[in-house]
């Protein structure tokens, strides 16, 4: 039971270690798109 739990945790850690940077990049891209869309929206409403 305990072994399975630690193994699961290790898998999660390795997965996040691999996907971590990718997720950060995707998140930054989403933030950029959001900022651009907000700017466009603000320009239109002015």
N, C-alpha and C. Protein backbone atom coordinates (compact mmCIF):
# COMPACT_ATOMS: atom_id res chain seq x y z
N UNK A 1 0.84 -1.20 0.00
CA UNK A 1 0.00 0.00 0.00
C UNK A 1 0.88 1.25 0.00
N UNK A 2 1.78 1.30 0.98
CA UNK A 2 2.65 2.46 1.09
C UNK A 2 3.57 2.55 -0.13
N UNK A 3 4.06 1.39 -0.58
CA UNK A 3 4.95 1.35 -1.74
C UNK A 3 4.25 1.91 -2.98
N UNK A 4 3.00 1.47 -3.18
CA UNK A 4 2.23 1.94 -4.33
C UNK A 4 2.04 3.45 -4.29
N UNK A 5 1.83 3.97 -3.09
CA UNK A 5 1.58 5.40 -2.94
C UNK A 5 2.85 6.19 -3.30
N UNK A 6 4.00 5.73 -2.77
CA UNK A 6 5.25 6.46 -3.07
C UNK A 6 5.58 6.36 -4.55
N UNK A 7 5.32 5.20 -5.13
CA UNK A 7 5.60 5.02 -6.55
C UNK A 7 4.75 5.99 -7.38
N UNK A 8 3.49 6.12 -6.99
CA UNK A 8 2.59 7.05 -7.69
C UNK A 8 3.13 8.47 -7.59
N UNK A 9 3.62 8.82 -6.40
CA UNK A 9 4.15 10.16 -6.18
C UNK A 9 5.37 10.39 -7.06
N UNK A 10 6.24 9.39 -7.13
CA UNK A 10 7.45 9.51 -7.96
C UNK A 10 7.06 9.72 -9.42
N UNK A 11 6.07 8.96 -9.88
CA UNK A 11 5.60 9.11 -11.27
C UNK A 11 5.08 10.52 -11.49
N UNK A 12 4.30 11.02 -10.53
CA UNK A 12 3.75 12.37 -10.65
C UNK A 12 4.86 13.40 -10.69
N UNK A 13 5.88 13.22 -9.84
CA UNK A 13 6.99 14.17 -9.80
C UNK A 13 7.75 14.15 -11.11
N UNK A 14 8.04 12.94 -11.63
CA UNK A 14 8.77 12.87 -12.91
C UNK A 14 7.93 13.47 -14.02
N UNK A 15 6.65 13.21 -14.01
CA UNK A 15 5.78 13.73 -15.05
C UNK A 15 5.77 15.25 -15.02
N UNK A 16 5.64 15.83 -13.82
CA UNK A 16 5.62 17.28 -13.70
C UNK A 16 6.99 17.86 -14.01
N UNK A 17 8.06 17.10 -13.74
CA UNK A 17 9.40 17.57 -14.08
C UNK A 17 9.57 17.65 -15.59
N UNK A 18 8.94 16.69 -16.29
CA UNK A 18 9.03 16.69 -17.76
C UNK A 18 8.08 17.73 -18.34
N UNK A 19 6.85 17.77 -17.83
CA UNK A 19 5.84 18.65 -18.40
C UNK A 19 5.90 20.06 -17.82
N UNK A 20 6.57 20.23 -16.69
CA UNK A 20 6.62 21.53 -16.01
C UNK A 20 6.95 22.69 -16.93
N UNK A 21 8.15 22.67 -17.55
CA UNK A 21 8.54 23.77 -18.43
C UNK A 21 7.55 23.98 -19.57
N UNK A 22 7.03 22.89 -20.12
CA UNK A 22 6.06 22.97 -21.22
C UNK A 22 4.80 23.69 -20.75
N UNK A 23 4.32 23.32 -19.56
CA UNK A 23 3.12 23.94 -19.02
C UNK A 23 3.36 25.43 -18.78
N UNK A 24 4.55 25.77 -18.27
CA UNK A 24 4.88 27.18 -18.01
C UNK A 24 4.85 27.97 -19.31
N UNK A 25 5.44 27.39 -20.36
CA UNK A 25 5.46 28.07 -21.67
C UNK A 25 4.04 28.26 -22.18
N UNK A 26 3.22 27.21 -22.09
CA UNK A 26 1.83 27.30 -22.55
C UNK A 26 1.09 28.37 -21.75
N UNK A 27 1.33 28.41 -20.44
CA UNK A 27 0.66 29.38 -19.58
C UNK A 27 1.07 30.80 -19.96
N UNK A 28 2.38 30.99 -20.21
CA UNK A 28 2.86 32.31 -20.62
C UNK A 28 2.21 32.73 -21.94
N UNK A 29 2.08 31.78 -22.87
CA UNK A 29 1.43 32.09 -24.15
C UNK A 29 -0.02 32.48 -23.93
N UNK A 30 -0.71 31.78 -23.04
CA UNK A 30 -2.10 32.11 -22.74
C UNK A 30 -2.20 33.52 -22.16
N UNK A 31 -1.28 33.85 -21.25
CA UNK A 31 -1.27 35.18 -20.64
C UNK A 31 -1.03 36.24 -21.71
N UNK A 32 -0.07 35.98 -22.62
CA UNK A 32 0.22 36.92 -23.71
C UNK A 32 -1.02 37.15 -24.56
N UNK A 33 -1.68 36.05 -24.94
CA UNK A 33 -2.89 36.15 -25.77
C UNK A 33 -3.96 36.95 -25.04
N UNK A 34 -4.10 36.69 -23.74
CA UNK A 34 -5.11 37.40 -22.94
C UNK A 34 -4.81 38.89 -22.92
N UNK A 35 -3.53 39.25 -22.72
CA UNK A 35 -3.13 40.66 -22.68
C UNK A 35 -3.41 41.32 -24.02
N UNK A 36 -3.04 40.62 -25.12
CA UNK A 36 -3.27 41.17 -26.46
C UNK A 36 -4.77 41.37 -26.69
N UNK A 37 -5.58 40.38 -26.32
CA UNK A 37 -7.02 40.49 -26.51
C UNK A 37 -7.60 41.63 -25.68
N UNK A 38 -7.11 41.78 -24.45
CA UNK A 38 -7.58 42.87 -23.59
C UNK A 38 -7.21 44.22 -24.21
N UNK A 39 -6.00 44.32 -24.76
CA UNK A 39 -5.57 45.57 -25.41
C UNK A 39 -6.47 45.89 -26.59
N UNK A 40 -6.73 44.88 -27.43
CA UNK A 40 -7.59 45.09 -28.59
C UNK A 40 -8.98 45.52 -28.14
N UNK A 41 -9.50 44.86 -27.10
CA UNK A 41 -10.83 45.15 -26.60
C UNK A 41 -10.89 46.58 -26.04
N UNK A 42 -9.82 46.98 -25.34
CA UNK A 42 -9.77 48.34 -24.78
C UNK A 42 -9.69 49.36 -25.91
N UNK A 43 -8.93 49.05 -26.97
CA UNK A 43 -8.83 49.96 -28.11
C UNK A 43 -10.19 50.14 -28.77
N UNK A 44 -10.95 49.07 -28.89
CA UNK A 44 -12.25 49.13 -29.55
C UNK A 44 -13.25 49.92 -28.71
N UNK A 45 -13.19 49.76 -27.40
CA UNK A 45 -14.19 50.39 -26.54
C UNK A 45 -13.91 51.88 -26.37
N UNK A 46 -12.68 52.31 -26.64
CA UNK A 46 -12.34 53.74 -26.48
C UNK A 46 -12.95 54.52 -27.63
